[in-house]
Amino acid sequence: LWALREARRRYPDGLVIHTTAAHYSV
């Protein structure tokens, strides 16, 4: 959660990409 929030701070229009095998927390 911290990392994605930091990524959004840097890139407000950023697109998150994760796989179908990513942990449910993502």
PDB file of all heavy atoms in Angstrom:
ATOM      1  N   LEU A   1       0.829  -1.201   0.000  1.00  0.00           N
ATOM      2  CA  LEU A   1       0.000   0.000   0.000  1.00  0.00           C
ATOM      3  C   LEU A   1       0.870   1.260   0.000  1.00  0.00           C
ATOM      4  O   LEU A   1       0.605   2.212  -0.752  1.00  0.00           O
ATOM      5  CB  LEU A   1      -0.922  -0.020   1.218  1.00  0.00           C
ATOM      6  CG  LEU A   1      -1.879   1.167   1.382  1.00  0.00           C
ATOM      7  CD1 LEU A   1      -2.835   1.264   0.209  1.00  0.00           C
ATOM      8  CD2 LEU A   1      -2.653   1.040   2.697  1.00  0.00           C
ATOM      9  N   TRP A   2       1.923   1.271   0.835  1.00  0.00           N
ATOM     10  CA  TRP A   2       2.809   2.437   0.880  1.00  0.00           C
ATOM     11  C   TRP A   2       3.445   2.670  -0.487  1.00  0.00           C
ATOM     12  O   TRP A   2       3.512   3.819  -0.971  1.00  0.00           O
ATOM     13  CB  TRP A   2       3.912   2.243   1.921  1.00  0.00           C
ATOM     14  CG  TRP A   2       4.748   3.475   2.126  1.00  0.00           C
ATOM     15  CD1 TRP A   2       4.596   4.417   3.101  1.00  0.00           C
ATOM     16  CD2 TRP A   2       5.850   3.911   1.313  1.00  0.00           C
ATOM     17  NE1 TRP A   2       5.527   5.418   2.957  1.00  0.00           N
ATOM     18  CE2 TRP A   2       6.313   5.139   1.858  1.00  0.00           C
ATOM     19  CE3 TRP A   2       6.483   3.402   0.183  1.00  0.00           C
ATOM     20  CZ2 TRP A   2       7.374   5.842   1.306  1.00  0.00           C
ATOM     21  CZ3 TRP A   2       7.541   4.112  -0.373  1.00  0.00           C
ATOM     22  CH2 TRP A   2       7.977   5.301   0.186  1.00  0.00           C
ATOM     23  N   ALA A   3       3.919   1.591  -1.116  1.00  0.00           N
ATOM     24  CA  ALA A   3       4.620   1.724  -2.392  1.00  0.00           C
ATOM     25  C   ALA A   3       3.702   2.260  -3.485  1.00  0.00           C
ATOM     26  O   ALA A   3       4.091   3.132  -4.272  1.00  0.00           O
ATOM     27  CB  ALA A   3       5.198   0.371  -2.799  1.00  0.00           C
ATOM     28  N   LEU A   4       2.483   1.757  -3.552  1.00  0.00           N
ATOM     29  CA  LEU A   4       1.565   2.227  -4.592  1.00  0.00           C
ATOM     30  C   LEU A   4       1.149   3.676  -4.330  1.00  0.00           C
ATOM     31  O   LEU A   4       0.977   4.462  -5.268  1.00  0.00           O
ATOM     32  CB  LEU A   4       0.347   1.318  -4.676  1.00  0.00           C
ATOM     33  CG  LEU A   4       0.624  -0.096  -5.207  1.00  0.00           C
ATOM     34  CD1 LEU A   4      -0.664  -0.889  -5.339  1.00  0.00           C
ATOM     35  CD2 LEU A   4       1.347  -0.046  -6.555  1.00  0.00           C
ATOM     36  N   ARG A   5       1.027   4.045  -3.069  1.00  0.00           N
ATOM     37  CA  ARG A   5       0.720   5.446  -2.763  1.00  0.00           C
ATOM     38  C   ARG A   5       1.875   6.345  -3.178  1.00  0.00           C
ATOM     39  O   ARG A   5       1.673   7.429  -3.740  1.00  0.00           O
ATOM     40  CB  ARG A   5       0.414   5.623  -1.279  1.00  0.00           C
ATOM     41  CG  ARG A   5      -0.120   7.023  -0.954  1.00  0.00           C
ATOM     42  CD  ARG A   5      -0.283   7.251   0.532  1.00  0.00           C
ATOM     43  NE  ARG A   5       1.007   7.291   1.233  1.00  0.00           N
ATOM     44  CZ  ARG A   5       1.171   7.804   2.456  1.00  0.00           C
ATOM     45  NH1 ARG A   5       0.132   8.298   3.115  1.00  0.00           N
ATOM     46  NH2 ARG A   5       2.356   7.809   3.027  1.00  0.00           N
ATOM     47  N   GLU A   6       3.113   5.919  -2.921  1.00  0.00           N
ATOM     48  CA  GLU A   6       4.277   6.695  -3.331  1.00  0.00           C
ATOM     49  C   GLU A   6       4.360   6.788  -4.852  1.00  0.00           C
ATOM     50  O   GLU A   6       4.683   7.849  -5.411  1.00  0.00           O
ATOM     51  CB  GLU A   6       5.547   6.057  -2.772  1.00  0.00           C
ATOM     52  CG  GLU A   6       6.853   6.621  -3.313  1.00  0.00           C
ATOM     53  CD  GLU A   6       7.073   8.088  -2.987  1.00  0.00           C
ATOM     54  OE1 GLU A   6       6.370   8.631  -2.113  1.00  0.00           O
ATOM     55  OE2 GLU A   6       7.948   8.702  -3.626  1.00  0.00           O
ATOM     56  N   ALA A   7       4.056   5.675  -5.528  1.00  0.00           N
ATOM     57  CA  ALA A   7       4.068   5.687  -6.993  1.00  0.00           C
ATOM     58  C   ALA A   7       3.022   6.658  -7.538  1.00  0.00           C
ATOM     59  O   ALA A   7       3.279   7.388  -8.505  1.00  0.00           O
ATOM     60  CB  ALA A   7       3.810   4.278  -7.521  1.00  0.00           C
ATOM     61  N   ARG A   8       1.847   6.696  -6.900  1.00  0.00           N
ATOM     62  CA  ARG A   8       0.803   7.640  -7.329  1.00  0.00           C
ATOM     63  C   ARG A   8       1.231   9.083  -7.088  1.00  0.00           C
ATOM     64  O   ARG A   8       0.904   9.988  -7.873  1.00  0.00           O
ATOM     65  CB  ARG A   8      -0.497   7.343  -6.591  1.00  0.00           C
ATOM     66  CG  ARG A   8      -1.687   8.177  -7.092  1.00  0.00           C
ATOM     67  CD  ARG A   8      -2.932   7.922  -6.292  1.00  0.00           C
ATOM     68  NE  ARG A   8      -2.785   8.348  -4.905  1.00  0.00           N
ATOM     69  CZ  ARG A   8      -3.763   8.235  -3.998  1.00  0.00           C
ATOM     70  NH1 ARG A   8      -4.924   7.692  -4.339  1.00  0.00           N
ATOM     71  NH2 ARG A   8      -3.563   8.635  -2.754  1.00  0.00           N
ATOM     72  N   ARG A   9       1.971   9.316  -5.994  1.00  0.00           N
ATOM     73  CA  ARG A   9       2.467  10.665  -5.724  1.00  0.00           C
ATOM     74  C   ARG A   9       3.393  11.126  -6.840  1.00  0.00           C
ATOM     75  O   ARG A   9       3.341  12.278  -7.272  1.00  0.00           O
ATOM     76  CB  ARG A   9       3.202  10.690  -4.380  1.00  0.00           C
ATOM     77  CG  ARG A   9       3.618  12.081  -3.917  1.00  0.00           C
ATOM     78  CD  ARG A   9       4.487  12.006  -2.667  1.00  0.00           C
ATOM     79  NE  ARG A   9       5.793  11.429  -2.945  1.00  0.00           N
ATOM     80  CZ  ARG A   9       6.824  12.102  -3.457  1.00  0.00           C
ATOM     81  NH1 ARG A   9       6.688  13.379  -3.754  1.00  0.00           N
ATOM     82  NH2 ARG A   9       7.978  11.506  -3.668  1.00  0.00           N
ATOM     83  N   ARG A  10       4.229  10.216  -7.309  1.00  0.00           N
ATOM     84  CA  ARG A  10       5.159  10.567  -8.393  1.00  0.00           C
ATOM     85  C   ARG A  10       4.445  10.662  -9.733  1.00  0.00           C
ATOM     86  O   ARG A  10       4.753  11.534 -10.562  1.00  0.00           O
ATOM     87  CB  ARG A  10       6.257   9.516  -8.501  1.00  0.00           C
ATOM     88  CG  ARG A  10       7.193   9.455  -7.326  1.00  0.00           C
ATOM     89  CD  ARG A  10       8.423   8.649  -7.721  1.00  0.00           C
ATOM     90  NE  ARG A  10       9.055   8.032  -6.579  1.00  0.00           N
ATOM     91  CZ  ARG A  10      10.113   7.240  -6.666  1.00  0.00           C
ATOM     92  NH1 ARG A  10      10.641   6.973  -7.850  1.00  0.00           N
ATOM     93  NH2 ARG A  10      10.640   6.719  -5.577  1.00  0.00           N
ATOM     94  N   TYR A  11       3.519   9.735  -9.964  1.00  0.00           N
ATOM     95  CA  TYR A  11       2.824   9.651 -11.259  1.00  0.00           C
ATOM     96  C   TYR A  11       1.317   9.606 -11.016  1.00  0.00           C
ATOM     97  O   TYR A  11       0.720   8.524 -10.970  1.00  0.00           O
ATOM     98  CB  TYR A  11       3.278   8.416 -12.030  1.00  0.00           C
ATOM     99  CG  TYR A  11       4.754   8.350 -12.297  1.00  0.00           C
ATOM    100  CD1 TYR A  11       5.566   7.428 -11.629  1.00  0.00           C
ATOM    101  CD2 TYR A  11       5.347   9.216 -13.215  1.00  0.00           C
ATOM    102  CE1 TYR A  11       6.929   7.369 -11.875  1.00  0.00           C
ATOM    103  CE2 TYR A  11       6.711   9.165 -13.468  1.00  0.00           C
ATOM    104  CZ  TYR A  11       7.495   8.241 -12.789  1.00  0.00           C
ATOM    105  OH  TYR A  11       8.850   8.187 -13.035  1.00  0.00           O
ATOM    106  N   PRO A  12       0.681  10.770 -10.854  1.00  0.00           N
ATOM    107  CA  PRO A  12      -0.750  10.792 -10.558  1.00  0.00           C
ATOM    108  C   PRO A  12      -1.610  10.073 -11.600  1.00  0.00           C
ATOM    109  O   PRO A  12      -2.693   9.581 -11.273  1.00  0.00           O
ATOM    110  CB  PRO A  12      -1.072  12.289 -10.505  1.00  0.00           C
ATOM    111  CG  PRO A  12       0.228  12.942 -10.156  1.00  0.00           C
ATOM    112  CD  PRO A  12       1.275  12.115 -10.836  1.00  0.00           C
ATOM    113  N   ASP A  13      -1.142  10.028 -12.844  1.00  0.00           N
ATOM    114  CA  ASP A  13      -1.901   9.346 -13.893  1.00  0.00           C
ATOM    115  C   ASP A  13      -1.305   7.977 -14.221  1.00  0.00           C
ATOM    116  O   ASP A  13      -1.579   7.406 -15.275  1.00  0.00           O
ATOM    117  CB  ASP A  13      -1.959  10.200 -15.158  1.00  0.00           C
ATOM    118  CG  ASP A  13      -0.574  10.508 -15.723  1.00  0.00           C
ATOM    119  OD1 ASP A  13       0.418  10.407 -14.958  1.00  0.00           O
ATOM    120  OD2 ASP A  13      -0.476  10.830 -16.924  1.00  0.00           O
ATOM    121  N   GLY A  14      -0.479   7.454 -13.323  1.00  0.00           N
ATOM    122  CA  GLY A  14       0.164   6.162 -13.567  1.00  0.00           C
ATOM    123  C   GLY A  14      -0.820   5.004 -13.577  1.00  0.00           C
ATOM    124  O   GLY A  14      -1.836   5.004 -12.871  1.00  0.00           O
ATOM    125  N   LEU A  15      -0.509   3.993 -14.368  1.00  0.00           N
ATOM    126  CA  LEU A  15      -1.338   2.792 -14.509  1.00  0.00           C
ATOM    127  C   LEU A  15      -0.652   1.639 -13.776  1.00  0.00           C
ATOM    128  O   LEU A  15       0.476   1.279 -14.091  1.00  0.00           O
ATOM    129  CB  LEU A  15      -1.491   2.441 -15.990  1.00  0.00           C
ATOM    130  CG  LEU A  15      -2.364   1.231 -16.328  1.00  0.00           C
ATOM    131  CD1 LEU A  15      -3.826   1.522 -16.028  1.00  0.00           C
ATOM    132  CD2 LEU A  15      -2.177   0.858 -17.800  1.00  0.00           C
ATOM    133  N   VAL A  16      -1.333   1.069 -12.794  1.00  0.00           N
ATOM    134  CA  VAL A  16      -0.775  -0.057 -12.049  1.00  0.00           C
ATOM    135  C   VAL A  16      -0.914  -1.330 -12.869  1.00  0.00           C
ATOM    136  O   VAL A  16      -1.982  -1.609 -13.422  1.00  0.00           O
ATOM    137  CB  VAL A  16      -1.492  -0.240 -10.695  1.00  0.00           C
ATOM    138  CG1 VAL A  16      -0.901  -1.436  -9.939  1.00  0.00           C
ATOM    139  CG2 VAL A  16      -1.370   1.020  -9.853  1.00  0.00           C
ATOM    140  N   ILE A  17       0.163  -2.096 -12.929  1.00  0.00           N
ATOM    141  CA  ILE A  17       0.146  -3.376 -13.638  1.00  0.00           C
ATOM    142  C   ILE A  17       0.633  -4.465 -12.694  1.00  0.00           C
ATOM    143  O   ILE A  17       1.704  -4.359 -12.098  1.00  0.00           O
ATOM    144  CB  ILE A  17       1.034  -3.330 -14.897  1.00  0.00           C
ATOM    145  CG1 ILE A  17       0.436  -2.338 -15.906  1.00  0.00           C
ATOM    146  CG2 ILE A  17       1.172  -4.712 -15.512  1.00  0.00           C
ATOM    147  CD1 ILE A  17       1.216  -2.221 -17.188  1.00  0.00           C
ATOM    148  N   HIS A  18      -0.180  -5.495 -12.542  1.00  0.00           N
ATOM    149  CA  HIS A  18       0.202  -6.661 -11.747  1.00  0.00           C
ATOM    150  C   HIS A  18      -0.341  -7.908 -12.422  1.00  0.00           C
ATOM    151  O   HIS A  18      -1.196  -7.824 -13.318  1.00  0.00           O
ATOM    152  CB  HIS A  18      -0.332  -6.550 -10.308  1.00  0.00           C
ATOM    153  CG  HIS A  18      -1.832  -6.528 -10.207  1.00  0.00           C
ATOM    154  ND1 HIS A  18      -2.593  -7.681 -10.191  1.00  0.00           N
ATOM    155  CD2 HIS A  18      -2.703  -5.495 -10.115  1.00  0.00           C
ATOM    156  CE1 HIS A  18      -3.874  -7.364 -10.074  1.00  0.00           C
ATOM    157  NE2 HIS A  18      -3.968  -6.042 -10.043  1.00  0.00           N
ATOM    158  N   THR A  19       0.129  -9.059 -12.005  1.00  0.00           N
ATOM    159  CA  THR A  19      -0.283 -10.299 -12.656  1.00  0.00           C
ATOM    160  C   THR A  19      -1.449 -10.947 -11.919  1.00  0.00           C
ATOM    161  O   THR A  19      -1.820 -10.566 -10.811  1.00  0.00           O
ATOM    162  CB  THR A  19       0.864 -11.321 -12.726  1.00  0.00           C
ATOM    163  OG1 THR A  19       1.061 -11.900 -11.419  1.00  0.00           O
ATOM    164  CG2 THR A  19       2.151 -10.689 -13.208  1.00  0.00           C
ATOM    165  N   THR A  20      -2.005 -11.960 -12.570  1.00  0.00           N
ATOM    166  CA  THR A  20      -3.081 -12.738 -11.959  1.00  0.00           C
ATOM    167  C   THR A  20      -2.589 -13.512 -10.739  1.00  0.00           C
ATOM    168  O   THR A  20      -3.405 -13.948  -9.919  1.00  0.00           O
ATOM    169  CB  THR A  20      -3.663 -13.734 -12.973  1.00  0.00           C
ATOM    170  OG1 THR A  20      -2.582 -14.525 -13.528  1.00  0.00           O
ATOM    171  CG2 THR A  20      -4.366 -13.015 -14.118  1.00  0.00           C
ATOM    172  N   ALA A  21      -1.265 -13.680 -10.607  1.00  0.00           N
ATOM    173  CA  ALA A  21      -0.696 -14.421  -9.472  1.00  0.00           C
ATOM    174  C   ALA A  21      -0.257 -13.505  -8.345  1.00  0.00           C
ATOM    175  O   ALA A  21       0.258 -13.985  -7.330  1.00  0.00           O
ATOM    176  CB  ALA A  21       0.493 -15.271  -9.941  1.00  0.00           C
ATOM    177  N   ALA A  22      -0.448 -12.191  -8.482  1.00  0.00           N
ATOM    178  CA  ALA A  22      -0.050 -11.260  -7.427  1.00  0.00           C
ATOM    179  C   ALA A  22      -0.847 -11.540  -6.159  1.00  0.00           C
ATOM    180  O   ALA A  22      -1.979 -12.038  -6.202  1.00  0.00           O
ATOM    181  CB  ALA A  22      -0.267  -9.822  -7.875  1.00  0.00           C
ATOM    182  N   HIS A  23      -0.267 -11.201  -5.019  1.00  0.00           N
ATOM    183  CA  HIS A  23      -0.955 -11.378  -3.739  1.00  0.00           C
ATOM    184  C   HIS A  23      -2.240 -10.550  -3.724  1.00  0.00           C
ATOM    185  O   HIS A  23      -2.309  -9.474  -4.320  1.00  0.00           O
ATOM    186  CB  HIS A  23      -0.026 -10.940  -2.605  1.00  0.00           C
ATOM    187  CG  HIS A  23      -0.535 -11.286  -1.241  1.00  0.00           C
ATOM    188  ND1 HIS A  23      -1.224 -10.388  -0.457  1.00  0.00           N
ATOM    189  CD2 HIS A  23      -0.463 -12.439  -0.529  1.00  0.00           C
ATOM    190  CE1 HIS A  23      -1.548 -10.958   0.697  1.00  0.00           C
ATOM    191  NE2 HIS A  23      -1.090 -12.213   0.676  1.00  0.00           N
ATOM    192  N   TYR A  24      -3.246 -11.045  -3.024  1.00  0.00           N
ATOM    193  CA  TYR A  24      -4.535 -10.357  -3.010  1.00  0.00           C
ATOM    194  C   TYR A  24      -4.459  -8.945  -2.436  1.00  0.00           C
ATOM    195  O   TYR A  24      -5.360  -8.118  -2.652  1.00  0.00           O
ATOM    196  CB  TYR A  24      -5.567 -11.181  -2.239  1.00  0.00           C
ATOM    197  CG  TYR A  24      -5.222 -11.468  -0.792  1.00  0.00           C
ATOM    198  CD1 TYR A  24      -5.443 -10.535   0.215  1.00  0.00           C
ATOM    199  CD2 TYR A  24      -4.663 -12.700  -0.423  1.00  0.00           C
ATOM    200  CE1 TYR A  24      -5.121 -10.798   1.537  1.00  0.00           C
ATOM    201  CE2 TYR A  24      -4.339 -12.969   0.899  1.00  0.00           C
ATOM    202  CZ  TYR A  24      -4.580 -12.024   1.875  1.00  0.00           C
ATOM    203  OH  TYR A  24      -4.265 -12.285   3.178  1.00  0.00           O
ATOM    204  N   SER A  25      -3.387  -8.640  -1.706  1.00  0.00           N
ATOM    205  CA  SER A  25      -3.256  -7.297  -1.152  1.00  0.00           C
ATOM    206  C   SER A  25      -2.993  -6.249  -2.222  1.00  0.00           C
ATOM    207  O   SER A  25      -3.239  -5.056  -1.995  1.00  0.00           O
ATOM    208  CB  SER A  25      -2.128  -7.260  -0.117  1.00  0.00           C
ATOM    209  OG  SER A  25      -0.879  -7.547  -0.725  1.00  0.00           O
ATOM    210  N   VAL A  26      -2.482  -6.664  -3.376  1.00  0.00           N
ATOM    211  CA  VAL A  26      -2.177  -5.692  -4.432  1.00  0.00           C
ATOM    212  C   VAL A  26      -3.456  -5.112  -5.036  1.00  0.00           C
ATOM    213  O   VAL A  26      -3.638  -3.887  -5.065  1.00  0.00           O
ATOM    214  CB  VAL A  26      -1.246  -6.305  -5.494  1.00  0.00           C
ATOM    215  CG1 VAL A  26      -1.071  -5.339  -6.668  1.00  0.00           C
ATOM    216  CG2 VAL A  26       0.105  -6.644  -4.887  1.00  0.00           C
TER     217      VAL A  26
END
